[in-house]
Amino acid sequence: MLGPRLASLFLVLFPIVAAAQNATIQGLVTDSSKALITGAKVTVTNLATQTTRSGATNAQGFYTLPLLEPGSYGIEAESPG
């Protein structure tokens, strides 16, 4: 009887593990003179679904956009001024 219980447990847990896969995009935003840009709005667009996520650069010009669906993304940064 232990065999079927173990198989049932595996079938219940596998979708949870598979759903936990995600991606992160991170980087620095600089201008043409390589100066760091703080407070820039960074937007990534999933090319397959056209869904977008946005964030902002910190005081060091760094941004991170975690928990993205794996795939191909376009990225755009904008800053006033």
Protein backbone atom coordinates (compact mmCIF):
# COMPACT_ATOMS: atom_id res chain seq x y z
CA MET A 1 0.00 0.00 0.00
CA LEU A 2 2.99 2.34 0.44
CA GLY A 3 3.70 2.32 -3.32
CA PRO A 4 0.43 4.01 -4.42
CA ARG A 5 0.69 6.62 -1.66
CA LEU A 6 4.20 7.53 -2.74
CA ALA A 7 3.09 7.82 -6.38
CA SER A 8 0.17 10.06 -5.36
CA LEU A 9 2.48 12.29 -3.35
CA PHE A 10 4.82 12.67 -6.32
CA LEU A 11 1.95 13.61 -8.66
CA VAL A 12 0.71 16.24 -6.21
CA LEU A 13 4.14 17.80 -5.62
CA PHE A 14 5.46 17.79 -9.19
CA PRO A 15 3.17 20.57 -10.52
CA ILE A 16 4.12 22.77 -7.57
CA VAL A 17 7.83 22.34 -8.29
CA ALA A 18 7.31 22.92 -12.03
CA ALA A 19 5.32 26.10 -11.36
CA ALA A 20 8.11 27.51 -9.20
CA GLN A 21 10.45 28.17 -12.16
CA ASN A 22 10.99 31.85 -12.86
CA ALA A 23 13.52 34.29 -14.24
CA THR A 24 15.13 37.55 -13.17
CA ILE A 25 16.41 40.41 -15.31
CA GLN A 26 18.88 42.80 -13.73
CA GLY A 27 21.47 45.31 -14.81
CA LEU A 28 22.77 48.88 -14.79
CA VAL A 29 21.41 51.88 -16.65
CA THR A 30 24.01 54.35 -17.95
CA ASP A 31 24.02 57.24 -20.37
CA SER A 32 26.28 57.60 -23.42
CA SER A 33 29.13 58.87 -21.20
CA LYS A 34 28.76 55.77 -18.96
CA ALA A 35 27.36 57.84 -16.05
CA LEU A 36 24.93 55.88 -13.87
CA ILE A 37 21.27 56.89 -14.15
CA THR A 38 19.36 56.81 -10.87
CA GLY A 39 15.58 56.65 -10.73
CA ALA A 40 15.20 55.51 -14.35
CA LYS A 41 12.04 53.57 -15.14
CA VAL A 42 12.91 50.14 -16.55
CA THR A 43 10.19 48.17 -18.36
CA VAL A 44 10.51 44.62 -19.66
CA THR A 45 8.04 43.13 -22.14
CA ASN A 46 7.57 39.40 -22.63
CA LEU A 47 7.78 39.06 -26.43
CA ALA A 48 5.45 36.04 -26.55
CA THR A 49 2.66 37.36 -24.30
CA GLN A 50 3.22 41.15 -24.46
CA THR A 51 2.91 41.36 -20.66
CA THR A 52 5.03 44.07 -19.06
CA ARG A 53 6.72 44.60 -15.70
CA SER A 54 8.35 47.81 -14.52
CA GLY A 55 10.81 48.85 -11.86
CA ALA A 56 13.26 51.65 -11.17
CA THR A 57 17.00 51.95 -10.80
CA ASN A 58 18.42 52.56 -7.35
CA ALA A 59 21.03 55.12 -6.25
CA GLN A 60 23.75 53.05 -7.98
CA GLY A 61 21.83 52.79 -11.28
CA PHE A 62 21.05 49.11 -10.64
CA TYR A 63 17.66 47.48 -11.29
CA THR A 64 16.27 44.00 -10.76
CA LEU A 65 12.97 42.58 -11.98
CA PRO A 66 12.46 39.15 -10.34
CA LEU A 67 9.81 36.45 -10.66
CA LEU A 68 9.39 36.74 -14.43
CA GLU A 69 7.99 33.96 -16.59
CA PRO A 70 10.90 32.40 -18.50
CA GLY A 71 11.05 33.61 -22.10
CA SER A 72 12.41 36.29 -24.41
CA TYR A 73 12.05 39.90 -23.27
CA GLY A 74 12.46 43.35 -24.71
CA ILE A 75 13.77 45.99 -22.32
CA GLU A 76 13.41 49.76 -22.24
CA ALA A 77 14.73 52.38 -19.81
CA GLU A 78 13.57 55.97 -19.59
CA SER A 79 14.50 58.89 -17.40
CA PRO A 80 13.31 62.50 -17.52
CA GLY A 81 15.92 65.08 -18.40
